[in-house]
Amino acid sequence: MDANINKRNELLAQTVIKGLNSRNMTGYYAANKEEALKLALELIPEKSSVTMGGAKSAHEIGLVDALKKGDYNFIDRDAYEDKRAAMLAAYDADVFLSSSNAITNDGILVNIDGNSNRVSAIAQGPRKVVFIVGMNKVCGDLDGAMKRARNVAAPINAQRFGLSTPCAKTGACMDCKSPDTICCQFLITRYSRHKDRIHVILVNDNLGY
């Protein structure tokens, strides 16, 4: 990545981390995917039960493969015949992995969900939540973060899952009430009441959607 972009991302990340800290959340900056993987594994003790939503970013840094190969109880919902059972297991997990659809300069996380298993687990349940967030998801304010979640993340994910939504056809949010809509629940995480529960690794890369 260009040295000027690297410098900009590092400086911006420090602003976001300061915002996260003010909200009782902990932020970290990783200069690359390898550093992000190292940080994530330091946050996840061996023997832990670990599960996740559909966090593409966790796959992209190699975290999912590392957990499957390591001494962890990784709850792989794709391996469950009963998907509901896998989703419910997340609420009692030691660690829940996620990305974020967007994050503001001052540390507010924005996530939207169709089945709502991901946003509900972020809000409550797992003892620790570890976010893997590419710097491409940082937005100037809450309005920008909401627009990114609805007009960038949602259309791409709808296309990825083969859903028949207006945004999958147009590439932009149409504020639909389609049966396939993935914009069922919106979660704005502006503060964590429980210290040391939410950890956000900001990665100097374009990750996820």
N, C-alpha and C. Protein backbone atom coordinates (compact mmCIF):
# COMPACT_ATOMS: atom_id res chain seq x y z
N MET A 1 0.84 -1.19 0.00
CA MET A 1 0.00 0.00 0.00
C MET A 1 0.88 1.24 0.00
N ASP A 2 0.43 2.28 -0.65
CA ASP A 2 1.16 3.54 -0.76
C ASP A 2 1.52 4.09 0.62
N ALA A 3 2.77 4.59 0.73
CA ALA A 3 3.26 5.08 2.03
C ALA A 3 2.40 6.21 2.58
N ASN A 4 1.88 7.07 1.69
CA ASN A 4 1.04 8.18 2.15
C ASN A 4 -0.29 7.67 2.71
N ILE A 5 -0.83 6.62 2.07
CA ILE A 5 -2.07 6.03 2.57
C ILE A 5 -1.82 5.36 3.91
N ASN A 6 -0.69 4.67 4.02
CA ASN A 6 -0.33 4.03 5.29
C ASN A 6 -0.29 5.04 6.42
N LYS A 7 0.35 6.18 6.17
CA LYS A 7 0.49 7.21 7.20
C LYS A 7 -0.88 7.78 7.57
N ARG A 8 -1.66 8.05 6.55
CA ARG A 8 -3.01 8.58 6.79
C ARG A 8 -3.82 7.59 7.62
N ASN A 9 -3.79 6.31 7.26
CA ASN A 9 -4.57 5.31 7.99
C ASN A 9 -4.11 5.18 9.44
N GLU A 10 -2.80 5.23 9.65
CA GLU A 10 -2.28 5.12 11.02
C GLU A 10 -2.74 6.29 11.88
N LEU A 11 -2.69 7.50 11.32
CA LEU A 11 -3.12 8.68 12.07
C LEU A 11 -4.63 8.64 12.33
N LEU A 12 -5.40 8.27 11.30
CA LEU A 12 -6.85 8.19 11.46
C LEU A 12 -7.22 7.13 12.48
N ALA A 13 -6.52 5.99 12.45
CA ALA A 13 -6.80 4.92 13.40
C ALA A 13 -6.61 5.38 14.84
N GLN A 14 -5.60 6.21 15.07
CA GLN A 14 -5.38 6.70 16.44
C GLN A 14 -6.56 7.55 16.92
N THR A 15 -7.17 8.30 16.00
CA THR A 15 -8.35 9.08 16.35
C THR A 15 -9.52 8.16 16.69
N VAL A 16 -9.70 7.12 15.87
CA VAL A 16 -10.79 6.16 16.11
C VAL A 16 -10.56 5.43 17.44
N ILE A 17 -9.33 5.02 17.69
CA ILE A 17 -9.01 4.31 18.93
C ILE A 17 -9.29 5.19 20.15
N LYS A 18 -8.95 6.45 20.05
CA LYS A 18 -9.25 7.39 21.14
C LYS A 18 -10.76 7.44 21.38
N GLY A 19 -11.53 7.46 20.30
CA GLY A 19 -12.99 7.46 20.42
C GLY A 19 -13.51 6.19 21.05
N LEU A 20 -12.96 5.05 20.62
CA LEU A 20 -13.37 3.77 21.20
C LEU A 20 -13.08 3.73 22.70
N ASN A 21 -11.89 4.17 23.08
CA ASN A 21 -11.52 4.16 24.49
C ASN A 21 -12.48 5.02 25.33
N SER A 22 -12.92 6.13 24.75
CA SER A 22 -13.84 7.01 25.47
C SER A 22 -15.21 6.36 25.64
N ARG A 23 -15.46 5.30 24.87
CA ARG A 23 -16.74 4.60 24.90
C ARG A 23 -16.64 3.25 25.61
N ASN A 24 -15.58 3.08 26.40
CA ASN A 24 -15.37 1.88 27.20
C ASN A 24 -15.11 0.65 26.33
N MET A 25 -14.58 0.88 25.12
CA MET A 25 -14.17 -0.18 24.23
C MET A 25 -12.67 -0.03 23.98
N THR A 26 -12.03 -1.09 23.53
CA THR A 26 -10.59 -1.06 23.33
C THR A 26 -10.26 -1.19 21.86
N GLY A 27 -9.44 -0.27 21.37
CA GLY A 27 -9.06 -0.29 19.96
C GLY A 27 -7.59 -0.60 19.77
N TYR A 28 -7.26 -1.17 18.62
CA TYR A 28 -5.89 -1.53 18.26
C TYR A 28 -5.68 -1.18 16.78
N TYR A 29 -4.45 -0.97 16.41
CA TYR A 29 -4.13 -0.73 15.00
C TYR A 29 -3.15 -1.78 14.51
N ALA A 30 -3.48 -2.41 13.41
CA ALA A 30 -2.61 -3.39 12.78
C ALA A 30 -2.15 -2.86 11.43
N ALA A 31 -0.85 -2.84 11.21
CA ALA A 31 -0.29 -2.28 9.98
C ALA A 31 -0.55 -3.17 8.77
N ASN A 32 -0.91 -4.44 9.01
CA ASN A 32 -1.18 -5.36 7.91
C ASN A 32 -2.00 -6.54 8.44
N LYS A 33 -2.35 -7.46 7.54
CA LYS A 33 -3.18 -8.61 7.93
C LYS A 33 -2.46 -9.52 8.92
N GLU A 34 -1.16 -9.70 8.72
CA GLU A 34 -0.39 -10.57 9.61
C GLU A 34 -0.38 -10.05 11.03
N GLU A 35 -0.23 -8.75 11.16
CA GLU A 35 -0.24 -8.13 12.49
C GLU A 35 -1.63 -8.22 13.11
N ALA A 36 -2.66 -8.08 12.27
CA ALA A 36 -4.04 -8.20 12.75
C ALA A 36 -4.30 -9.60 13.29
N LEU A 37 -3.81 -10.61 12.59
CA LEU A 37 -3.98 -11.99 13.03
C LEU A 37 -3.30 -12.21 14.37
N LYS A 38 -2.09 -11.70 14.51
CA LYS A 38 -1.35 -11.85 15.77
C LYS A 38 -2.10 -11.19 16.93
N LEU A 39 -2.61 -9.99 16.71
CA LEU A 39 -3.37 -9.27 17.74
C LEU A 39 -4.63 -10.05 18.13
N ALA A 40 -5.34 -10.55 17.13
CA ALA A 40 -6.58 -11.27 17.40
C ALA A 40 -6.32 -12.52 18.24
N LEU A 41 -5.29 -13.27 17.89
CA LEU A 41 -4.99 -14.49 18.64
C LEU A 41 -4.53 -14.18 20.07
N GLU A 42 -3.92 -13.03 20.27
CA GLU A 42 -3.55 -12.62 21.63
C GLU A 42 -4.78 -12.33 22.48
N LEU A 43 -5.87 -11.96 21.83
CA LEU A 43 -7.11 -11.64 22.54
C LEU A 43 -7.99 -12.87 22.79
N ILE A 44 -7.63 -13.99 22.17
CA ILE A 44 -8.45 -15.20 22.28
C ILE A 44 -7.64 -16.30 22.96
N PRO A 45 -7.85 -16.55 24.24
CA PRO A 45 -7.10 -17.59 24.94
C PRO A 45 -7.38 -18.98 24.36
N GLU A 46 -6.37 -19.83 24.37
CA GLU A 46 -6.57 -21.21 23.94
C GLU A 46 -7.62 -21.87 24.84
N LYS A 47 -8.31 -22.84 24.30
CA LYS A 47 -9.42 -23.57 24.94
C LYS A 47 -10.73 -22.79 24.91
N SER A 48 -10.68 -21.52 24.46
CA SER A 48 -11.90 -20.72 24.43
C SER A 48 -12.90 -21.28 23.43
N SER A 49 -14.18 -21.07 23.74
CA SER A 49 -15.22 -21.33 22.74
C SER A 49 -15.37 -20.06 21.91
N VAL A 50 -15.30 -20.22 20.60
CA VAL A 50 -15.28 -19.07 19.69
C VAL A 50 -16.29 -19.30 18.57
N THR A 51 -17.07 -18.28 18.26
CA THR A 51 -17.98 -18.37 17.13
C THR A 51 -18.04 -17.01 16.45
N MET A 52 -18.86 -16.91 15.42
CA MET A 52 -18.85 -15.68 14.64
C MET A 52 -20.15 -15.54 13.84
N GLY A 53 -20.34 -14.33 13.31
CA GLY A 53 -21.38 -14.11 12.32
C GLY A 53 -20.72 -14.37 10.96
N GLY A 54 -21.18 -13.68 9.94
CA GLY A 54 -20.57 -13.90 8.63
C GLY A 54 -19.42 -12.93 8.39
N ALA A 55 -18.44 -12.93 9.28
CA ALA A 55 -17.36 -11.95 9.23
C ALA A 55 -16.33 -12.31 8.17
N LYS A 56 -16.50 -11.76 6.97
CA LYS A 56 -15.56 -12.03 5.89
C LYS A 56 -14.15 -11.56 6.26
N SER A 57 -14.06 -10.47 7.01
CA SER A 57 -12.75 -9.92 7.38
C SER A 57 -11.94 -10.90 8.22
N ALA A 58 -12.62 -11.66 9.08
CA ALA A 58 -11.92 -12.65 9.90
C ALA A 58 -11.31 -13.74 9.03
N HIS A 59 -12.00 -14.09 7.95
CA HIS A 59 -11.44 -15.05 6.99
C HIS A 59 -10.24 -14.44 6.27
N GLU A 60 -10.37 -13.18 5.90
CA GLU A 60 -9.35 -12.54 5.06
C GLU A 60 -8.00 -12.38 5.77
N ILE A 61 -8.01 -12.27 7.08
CA ILE A 61 -6.73 -12.16 7.79
C ILE A 61 -6.19 -13.52 8.22
N GLY A 62 -6.94 -14.58 7.92
CA GLY A 62 -6.49 -15.93 8.27
C GLY A 62 -6.89 -16.39 9.65
N LEU A 63 -7.76 -15.63 10.31
CA LEU A 63 -8.12 -15.95 11.69
C LEU A 63 -8.96 -17.22 11.80
N VAL A 64 -9.91 -17.41 10.91
CA VAL A 64 -10.77 -18.58 10.98
C VAL A 64 -9.95 -19.86 10.80
N ASP A 65 -9.06 -19.87 9.83
CA ASP A 65 -8.20 -21.05 9.61
C ASP A 65 -7.34 -21.33 10.84
N ALA A 66 -6.80 -20.26 11.44
CA ALA A 66 -5.94 -20.42 12.63
C ALA A 66 -6.72 -21.01 13.79
N LEU A 67 -7.96 -20.59 13.96
CA LEU A 67 -8.78 -21.11 15.06
C LEU A 67 -9.15 -22.57 14.84
N LYS A 68 -9.44 -22.92 13.60
CA LYS A 68 -9.80 -24.30 13.28
C LYS A 68 -8.62 -25.24 13.50
N LYS A 69 -7.42 -24.75 13.23
CA LYS A 69 -6.22 -25.58 13.37
C LYS A 69 -5.67 -25.57 14.80
N GLY A 70 -6.03 -24.57 15.58
CA GLY A 70 -5.47 -24.41 16.92
C GLY A 70 -6.28 -25.10 18.00
N ASP A 71 -5.88 -24.84 19.24
CA ASP A 71 -6.52 -25.47 20.40
C ASP A 71 -7.67 -24.60 20.90
N TYR A 72 -8.70 -24.53 20.07
CA TYR A 72 -9.87 -23.72 20.39
C TYR A 72 -11.12 -24.54 20.12
N ASN A 73 -12.19 -24.20 20.80
CA ASN A 73 -13.49 -24.81 20.51
C ASN A 73 -14.21 -23.87 19.55
N PHE A 74 -13.91 -24.04 18.26
CA PHE A 74 -14.50 -23.16 17.26
C PHE A 74 -15.86 -23.71 16.83
N ILE A 75 -16.89 -22.92 17.08
CA ILE A 75 -18.26 -23.32 16.74
C ILE A 75 -18.53 -22.85 15.31
N ASP A 76 -18.37 -23.75 14.37
CA ASP A 76 -18.51 -23.43 12.95
C ASP A 76 -19.96 -23.67 12.54
N ARG A 77 -20.71 -22.59 12.40
CA ARG A 77 -22.13 -22.77 12.10
C ARG A 77 -22.36 -23.42 10.74
N ASP A 78 -21.40 -23.30 9.83
CA ASP A 78 -21.54 -23.95 8.52
C ASP A 78 -21.50 -25.47 8.64
N ALA A 79 -20.93 -25.95 9.74
CA ALA A 79 -20.83 -27.40 9.94
C ALA A 79 -22.05 -27.96 10.69
N TYR A 80 -22.93 -27.07 11.14
CA TYR A 80 -24.11 -27.49 11.89
C TYR A 80 -25.28 -27.76 10.93
N GLU A 81 -25.93 -28.88 11.12
CA GLU A 81 -27.15 -29.14 10.35
C GLU A 81 -28.26 -28.24 10.86
N ASP A 82 -28.29 -28.05 12.17
CA ASP A 82 -29.27 -27.17 12.80
C ASP A 82 -28.63 -25.79 12.98
N LYS A 83 -28.87 -24.89 12.02
CA LYS A 83 -28.25 -23.56 12.04
C LYS A 83 -28.69 -22.75 13.26
N ARG A 84 -29.94 -22.95 13.67
CA ARG A 84 -30.44 -22.22 14.84
C ARG A 84 -29.64 -22.59 16.08
N ALA A 85 -29.32 -23.87 16.23
CA ALA A 85 -28.54 -24.32 17.39
C ALA A 85 -27.17 -23.65 17.40
N ALA A 86 -26.57 -23.52 16.23
CA ALA A 86 -25.26 -22.88 16.13
C ALA A 86 -25.35 -21.41 16.50
N MET A 87 -26.41 -20.76 16.04
CA MET A 87 -26.59 -19.34 16.34
C MET A 87 -26.83 -19.12 17.83
N LEU A 88 -27.62 -20.00 18.45
CA LEU A 88 -27.89 -19.86 19.88
C LEU A 88 -26.64 -20.12 20.71
N ALA A 89 -25.77 -21.00 20.23
CA ALA A 89 -24.54 -21.29 20.96
C ALA A 89 -23.65 -20.06 21.07
N ALA A 90 -23.82 -19.12 20.16
CA ALA A 90 -23.01 -17.90 20.18
C ALA A 90 -23.21 -17.09 21.45
N TYR A 91 -24.42 -17.13 22.02
CA TYR A 91 -24.72 -16.28 23.16
C TYR A 91 -23.98 -16.70 24.43
N ASP A 92 -23.54 -17.95 24.46
CA ASP A 92 -22.79 -18.41 25.64
C ASP A 92 -21.32 -18.64 25.32
N ALA A 93 -20.87 -18.15 24.17
CA ALA A 93 -19.47 -18.35 23.77
C ALA A 93 -18.54 -17.42 24.56
N ASP A 94 -17.30 -17.84 24.67
CA ASP A 94 -16.29 -16.97 25.29
C ASP A 94 -15.98 -15.78 24.41
N VAL A 95 -15.91 -16.04 23.10
CA VAL A 95 -15.52 -14.98 22.16
C VAL A 95 -16.41 -15.02 20.92
N PHE A 96 -16.90 -13.87 20.51
CA PHE A 96 -17.66 -13.74 19.28
C PHE A 96 -16.87 -12.86 18.32
N LEU A 97 -16.68 -13.34 17.10
CA LEU A 97 -15.94 -12.59 16.09
C LEU A 97 -16.91 -11.88 15.16
N SER A 98 -16.57 -10.67 14.81
CA SER A 98 -17.41 -9.93 13.89
C SER A 98 -16.57 -8.92 13.13
N SER A 99 -17.13 -8.41 12.07
CA SER A 99 -16.60 -7.19 11.49
C SER A 99 -17.64 -6.12 11.78
N SER A 100 -17.53 -4.99 11.15
CA SER A 100 -18.53 -3.94 11.32
C SER A 100 -18.84 -3.39 9.95
N ASN A 101 -20.12 -3.08 9.71
CA ASN A 101 -20.47 -2.49 8.43
C ASN A 101 -19.88 -1.11 8.27
N ALA A 102 -19.69 -0.43 9.40
CA ALA A 102 -19.07 0.90 9.37
C ALA A 102 -18.68 1.29 10.79
N ILE A 103 -17.74 2.22 10.89
CA ILE A 103 -17.33 2.77 12.18
C ILE A 103 -17.02 4.24 11.99
N THR A 104 -17.40 5.06 12.94
CA THR A 104 -17.17 6.49 12.82
C THR A 104 -15.79 6.89 13.33
N ASN A 105 -15.37 8.08 12.96
CA ASN A 105 -14.09 8.63 13.44
C ASN A 105 -13.98 8.61 14.95
N ASP A 106 -15.13 8.78 15.62
CA ASP A 106 -15.10 8.86 17.08
C ASP A 106 -15.55 7.56 17.75
N GLY A 107 -15.49 6.43 17.01
CA GLY A 107 -15.63 5.13 17.64
C GLY A 107 -17.00 4.54 17.79
N ILE A 108 -17.98 4.99 17.02
CA ILE A 108 -19.32 4.39 17.04
C ILE A 108 -19.38 3.30 15.96
N LEU A 109 -19.84 2.11 16.35
CA LEU A 109 -19.95 0.99 15.42
C LEU A 109 -21.38 0.89 14.89
N VAL A 110 -21.51 0.67 13.58
CA VAL A 110 -22.83 0.54 12.96
C VAL A 110 -22.91 -0.80 12.25
N ASN A 111 -23.97 -1.56 12.56
CA ASN A 111 -24.16 -2.86 11.94
C ASN A 111 -25.63 -3.09 11.62
N ILE A 112 -25.88 -3.72 10.46
CA ILE A 112 -27.24 -4.09 10.08
C ILE A 112 -27.28 -5.59 9.86
N ASP A 113 -28.46 -6.18 9.99
CA ASP A 113 -28.54 -7.63 9.97
C ASP A 113 -29.92 -8.08 9.50
N GLY A 114 -29.94 -9.22 8.83
CA GLY A 114 -31.19 -9.80 8.38
C GLY A 114 -31.75 -10.76 9.40
N ASN A 115 -31.02 -11.82 9.72
CA ASN A 115 -31.48 -12.78 10.73
C ASN A 115 -31.34 -12.25 12.14
N SER A 116 -30.48 -11.25 12.31
CA SER A 116 -30.28 -10.55 13.58
C SER A 116 -29.47 -11.33 14.60
N ASN A 117 -28.98 -12.52 14.24
CA ASN A 117 -28.13 -13.26 15.17
C ASN A 117 -26.83 -12.53 15.45
N ARG A 118 -26.28 -11.85 14.44
CA ARG A 118 -25.01 -11.15 14.62
C ARG A 118 -25.17 -9.93 15.51
N VAL A 119 -26.14 -9.07 15.20
CA VAL A 119 -26.27 -7.84 15.99
C VAL A 119 -26.71 -8.14 17.42
N SER A 120 -27.51 -9.19 17.61
CA SER A 120 -27.94 -9.52 18.97
C SER A 120 -26.77 -10.05 19.80
N ALA A 121 -25.87 -10.81 19.15
CA ALA A 121 -24.69 -11.31 19.87
C ALA A 121 -23.71 -10.19 20.18
N ILE A 122 -23.61 -9.23 19.30
CA ILE A 122 -22.76 -8.07 19.57
C ILE A 122 -23.30 -7.32 20.79
N ALA A 123 -24.61 -7.17 20.84
CA ALA A 123 -25.23 -6.38 21.91
C ALA A 123 -25.15 -7.06 23.26
N GLN A 124 -25.31 -8.40 23.28
CA GLN A 124 -25.32 -9.09 24.56
C GLN A 124 -25.08 -10.58 24.36
N GLY A 125 -24.47 -11.21 25.36
CA GLY A 125 -24.31 -12.66 25.33
C GLY A 125 -22.86 -13.07 25.47
N PRO A 126 -22.12 -13.15 24.36
CA PRO A 126 -20.72 -13.59 24.43
C PRO A 126 -19.91 -12.74 25.41
N ARG A 127 -18.97 -13.38 26.08
CA ARG A 127 -18.18 -12.69 27.09
C ARG A 127 -17.25 -11.63 26.49
N LYS A 128 -16.81 -11.88 25.26
CA LYS A 128 -15.92 -10.95 24.59
C LYS A 128 -16.30 -10.88 23.11
N VAL A 129 -16.25 -9.68 22.55
CA VAL A 129 -16.51 -9.50 21.12
C VAL A 129 -15.27 -8.89 20.50
N VAL A 130 -14.75 -9.55 19.46
CA VAL A 130 -13.56 -9.05 18.77
C VAL A 130 -13.95 -8.67 17.34
N PHE A 131 -13.82 -7.41 17.03
CA PHE A 131 -14.11 -6.91 15.69
C PHE A 131 -12.82 -6.83 14.87
N ILE A 132 -12.90 -7.27 13.61
CA ILE A 132 -11.82 -7.08 12.65
C ILE A 132 -12.35 -6.10 11.62
N VAL A 133 -11.77 -4.90 11.55
CA VAL A 133 -12.35 -3.83 10.73
C VAL A 133 -11.29 -3.21 9.84
N GLY A 134 -11.48 -3.30 8.54
CA GLY A 134 -10.59 -2.63 7.60
C GLY A 134 -10.77 -1.12 7.66
N MET A 135 -9.72 -0.39 7.36
CA MET A 135 -9.79 1.07 7.41
C MET A 135 -10.72 1.64 6.34
N ASN A 136 -11.09 0.82 5.36
CA ASN A 136 -12.06 1.25 4.35
C ASN A 136 -13.44 1.49 4.93
N LYS A 137 -13.68 1.04 6.17
CA LYS A 137 -15.00 1.17 6.77
C LYS A 137 -15.14 2.37 7.71
N VAL A 138 -14.07 3.15 7.83
CA VAL A 138 -14.12 4.32 8.71
C VAL A 138 -14.84 5.47 8.00
N CYS A 139 -15.82 6.06 8.70
CA CYS A 139 -16.63 7.15 8.14
C CYS A 139 -16.52 8.38 9.04
N GLY A 140 -16.82 9.52 8.48
CA GLY A 140 -16.66 10.78 9.20
C GLY A 140 -17.61 10.98 10.35
N ASP A 141 -18.83 10.46 10.22
CA ASP A 141 -19.82 10.66 11.28
C ASP A 141 -20.86 9.56 11.20
N LEU A 142 -21.82 9.59 12.11
CA LEU A 142 -22.84 8.54 12.19
C LEU A 142 -23.70 8.49 10.93
N ASP A 143 -24.03 9.65 10.39
CA ASP A 143 -24.83 9.68 9.16
C ASP A 143 -24.08 8.98 8.02
N GLY A 144 -22.78 9.28 7.91
CA GLY A 144 -21.97 8.64 6.88
C GLY A 144 -21.86 7.14 7.09
N ALA A 145 -21.77 6.73 8.35
CA ALA A 145 -21.67 5.31 8.66
C ALA A 145 -22.96 4.58 8.31
N MET A 146 -24.10 5.20 8.60
CA MET A 146 -25.38 4.59 8.25
C MET A 146 -25.52 4.48 6.73
N LYS A 147 -25.10 5.51 6.03
CA LYS A 147 -25.19 5.48 4.57
C LYS A 147 -24.28 4.41 4.00
N ARG A 148 -23.10 4.25 4.59
CA ARG A 148 -22.19 3.21 4.10
C ARG A 148 -22.80 1.82 4.33
N ALA A 149 -23.34 1.62 5.51
CA ALA A 149 -23.94 0.32 5.83
C ALA A 149 -25.07 -0.02 4.86
N ARG A 150 -25.89 0.97 4.52
CA ARG A 150 -27.06 0.71 3.70
C ARG A 150 -26.75 0.70 2.21
N ASN A 151 -25.79 1.52 1.77
CA ASN A 151 -25.55 1.69 0.34
C ASN A 151 -24.31 0.98 -0.19
N VAL A 152 -23.45 0.51 0.71
CA VAL A 152 -22.26 -0.23 0.28
C VAL A 152 -22.35 -1.67 0.77
N ALA A 153 -22.40 -1.84 2.10
CA ALA A 153 -22.38 -3.19 2.67
C ALA A 153 -23.63 -4.00 2.30
N ALA A 154 -24.80 -3.42 2.47
CA ALA A 154 -26.04 -4.17 2.25
C ALA A 154 -26.20 -4.64 0.80
N PRO A 155 -26.04 -3.77 -0.20
CA PRO A 155 -26.19 -4.25 -1.58
C PRO A 155 -25.21 -5.36 -1.94
N ILE A 156 -23.95 -5.22 -1.52
CA ILE A 156 -22.95 -6.23 -1.86
C ILE A 156 -23.29 -7.56 -1.18
N ASN A 157 -23.69 -7.50 0.08
CA ASN A 157 -24.04 -8.73 0.79
C ASN A 157 -25.30 -9.37 0.21
N ALA A 158 -26.25 -8.55 -0.20
CA ALA A 158 -27.47 -9.09 -0.83
C ALA A 158 -27.10 -9.82 -2.12
N GLN A 159 -26.20 -9.23 -2.89
CA GLN A 159 -25.73 -9.88 -4.13
C GLN A 159 -24.95 -11.15 -3.80
N ARG A 160 -24.12 -11.09 -2.75
CA ARG A 160 -23.30 -12.23 -2.36
C ARG A 160 -24.16 -13.43 -1.97
N PHE A 161 -25.28 -13.16 -1.31
CA PHE A 161 -26.15 -14.24 -0.86
C PHE A 161 -27.23 -14.60 -1.88
N GLY A 162 -27.20 -13.96 -3.04
CA GLY A 162 -28.16 -14.26 -4.09
C GLY A 162 -29.58 -13.88 -3.75
N LEU A 163 -29.75 -12.77 -3.03
CA LEU A 163 -31.08 -12.35 -2.59
C LEU A 163 -31.75 -11.46 -3.64
N SER A 164 -33.06 -11.52 -3.64
CA SER A 164 -33.83 -10.73 -4.60
C SER A 164 -34.34 -9.45 -3.93
N THR A 165 -33.44 -8.51 -3.76
CA THR A 165 -33.79 -7.21 -3.17
C THR A 165 -33.56 -6.12 -4.19
N PRO A 166 -34.24 -4.99 -4.05
CA PRO A 166 -33.98 -3.89 -4.98
C PRO A 166 -32.51 -3.45 -5.00
N CYS A 167 -31.86 -3.45 -3.83
CA CYS A 167 -30.47 -3.00 -3.79
C CYS A 167 -29.54 -3.96 -4.52
N ALA A 168 -29.90 -5.24 -4.56
CA ALA A 168 -29.09 -6.21 -5.30
C ALA A 168 -29.14 -5.93 -6.79
N LYS A 169 -30.24 -5.31 -7.23
CA LYS A 169 -30.41 -5.01 -8.66
C LYS A 169 -29.88 -3.62 -9.02
N THR A 170 -29.98 -2.66 -8.07
CA THR A 170 -29.59 -1.28 -8.38
C THR A 170 -28.24 -0.88 -7.80
N GLY A 171 -27.79 -1.62 -6.76
CA GLY A 171 -26.53 -1.27 -6.11
C GLY A 171 -26.67 -0.20 -5.05
N ALA A 172 -27.89 0.22 -4.77
CA ALA A 172 -28.12 1.26 -3.76
C ALA A 172 -29.36 0.93 -2.95
N CYS A 173 -29.39 1.40 -1.71
CA CYS A 173 -30.53 1.15 -0.83
C CYS A 173 -31.79 1.81 -1.38
N MET A 174 -32.88 1.04 -1.39
CA MET A 174 -34.18 1.56 -1.83
C MET A 174 -35.16 1.61 -0.65
N ASP A 175 -34.63 1.43 0.57
CA ASP A 175 -35.47 1.42 1.77
C ASP A 175 -36.63 0.45 1.62
N CYS A 176 -36.30 -0.75 1.15
CA CYS A 176 -37.34 -1.71 0.77
C CYS A 176 -37.92 -2.46 1.96
N LYS A 177 -39.04 -3.12 1.69
CA LYS A 177 -39.65 -4.07 2.62
C LYS A 177 -39.77 -5.43 1.94
N SER A 178 -38.76 -5.73 1.14
CA SER A 178 -38.71 -7.00 0.43
C SER A 178 -38.63 -8.15 1.43
N PRO A 179 -39.25 -9.29 1.14
CA PRO A 179 -39.11 -10.47 2.02
C PRO A 179 -37.65 -10.90 2.19
N ASP A 180 -36.81 -10.54 1.23
CA ASP A 180 -35.39 -10.91 1.29
C ASP A 180 -34.52 -9.86 1.96
N THR A 181 -35.11 -8.76 2.40
CA THR A 181 -34.28 -7.67 2.93
C THR A 181 -33.34 -8.13 4.04
N ILE A 182 -32.12 -7.62 4.01
CA ILE A 182 -31.18 -7.93 5.10
C ILE A 182 -31.06 -6.73 6.05
N CYS A 183 -31.84 -5.70 5.79
CA CYS A 183 -31.82 -4.52 6.67
C CYS A 183 -32.99 -4.59 7.65
N CYS A 184 -33.01 -5.66 8.45
CA CYS A 184 -34.11 -5.86 9.40
C CYS A 184 -33.83 -5.20 10.74
N GLN A 185 -32.59 -5.29 11.18
CA GLN A 185 -32.22 -4.73 12.48
C GLN A 185 -30.98 -3.86 12.30
N PHE A 186 -31.00 -2.69 12.91
CA PHE A 186 -29.86 -1.77 12.89
C PHE A 186 -29.33 -1.65 14.32
N LEU A 187 -28.03 -1.87 14.48
CA LEU A 187 -27.42 -1.76 15.80
C LEU A 187 -26.37 -0.66 15.77
N ILE A 188 -26.54 0.33 16.63
CA ILE A 188 -25.56 1.41 16.81
C ILE A 188 -24.93 1.20 18.18
N THR A 189 -23.66 0.85 18.19
CA THR A 189 -22.95 0.61 19.45
C THR A 189 -22.14 1.86 19.78
N ARG A 190 -22.66 2.66 20.69
CA ARG A 190 -22.01 3.93 21.03
C ARG A 190 -21.27 3.88 22.36
N TYR A 191 -21.53 2.82 23.14
CA TYR A 191 -20.86 2.69 24.43
C TYR A 191 -21.00 1.24 24.89
N SER A 192 -19.97 0.73 25.56
CA SER A 192 -20.04 -0.60 26.16
C SER A 192 -20.09 -0.47 27.67
N ARG A 193 -21.16 -0.94 28.27
CA ARG A 193 -21.27 -0.85 29.73
C ARG A 193 -20.25 -1.76 30.41
N HIS A 194 -19.85 -2.82 29.69
CA HIS A 194 -18.95 -3.82 30.29
C HIS A 194 -17.53 -3.63 29.76
N LYS A 195 -16.66 -3.16 30.61
CA LYS A 195 -15.27 -2.91 30.23
C LYS A 195 -14.59 -4.22 29.82
N ASP A 196 -13.72 -4.13 28.84
CA ASP A 196 -12.94 -5.27 28.32
C ASP A 196 -13.80 -6.28 27.57
N ARG A 197 -15.01 -5.92 27.22
CA ARG A 197 -15.84 -6.85 26.44
C ARG A 197 -15.65 -6.64 24.94
N ILE A 198 -15.65 -5.40 24.49
CA ILE A 198 -15.57 -5.12 23.05
C ILE A 198 -14.17 -4.65 22.67
N HIS A 199 -13.58 -5.36 21.71
CA HIS A 199 -12.24 -5.05 21.21
C HIS A 199 -12.32 -4.87 19.70
N VAL A 200 -11.72 -3.81 19.19
CA VAL A 200 -11.78 -3.50 17.76
C VAL A 200 -10.37 -3.40 17.19
N ILE A 201 -10.06 -4.30 16.26
CA ILE A 201 -8.76 -4.26 15.58
C ILE A 201 -8.95 -3.57 14.24
N LEU A 202 -8.37 -2.40 14.11
CA LEU A 202 -8.41 -1.65 12.85
C LEU A 202 -7.23 -2.08 12.00
N VAL A 203 -7.51 -2.50 10.77
CA VAL A 203 -6.48 -3.08 9.91
C VAL A 203 -6.20 -2.17 8.73
N ASN A 204 -4.93 -1.91 8.49
CA ASN A 204 -4.49 -1.07 7.39
C ASN A 204 -4.64 -1.82 6.08
N ASP A 205 -5.90 -2.06 5.69
CA ASP A 205 -6.18 -2.79 4.47
C ASP A 205 -7.67 -2.61 4.15
N ASN A 206 -8.04 -2.95 2.94
CA ASN A 206 -9.46 -2.96 2.58
C ASN A 206 -10.00 -4.36 2.83
N LEU A 207 -10.81 -4.50 3.85
CA LEU A 207 -11.34 -5.80 4.23
C LEU A 207 -12.85 -5.81 4.18
N GLY A 208 -13.40 -6.94 3.76
CA GLY A 208 -14.85 -7.11 3.78
C GLY A 208 -15.57 -6.08 2.93
N TYR A 209 -16.85 -5.90 3.28
CA TYR A 209 -17.70 -4.98 2.51
C TYR A 209 -18.24 -3.87 3.40
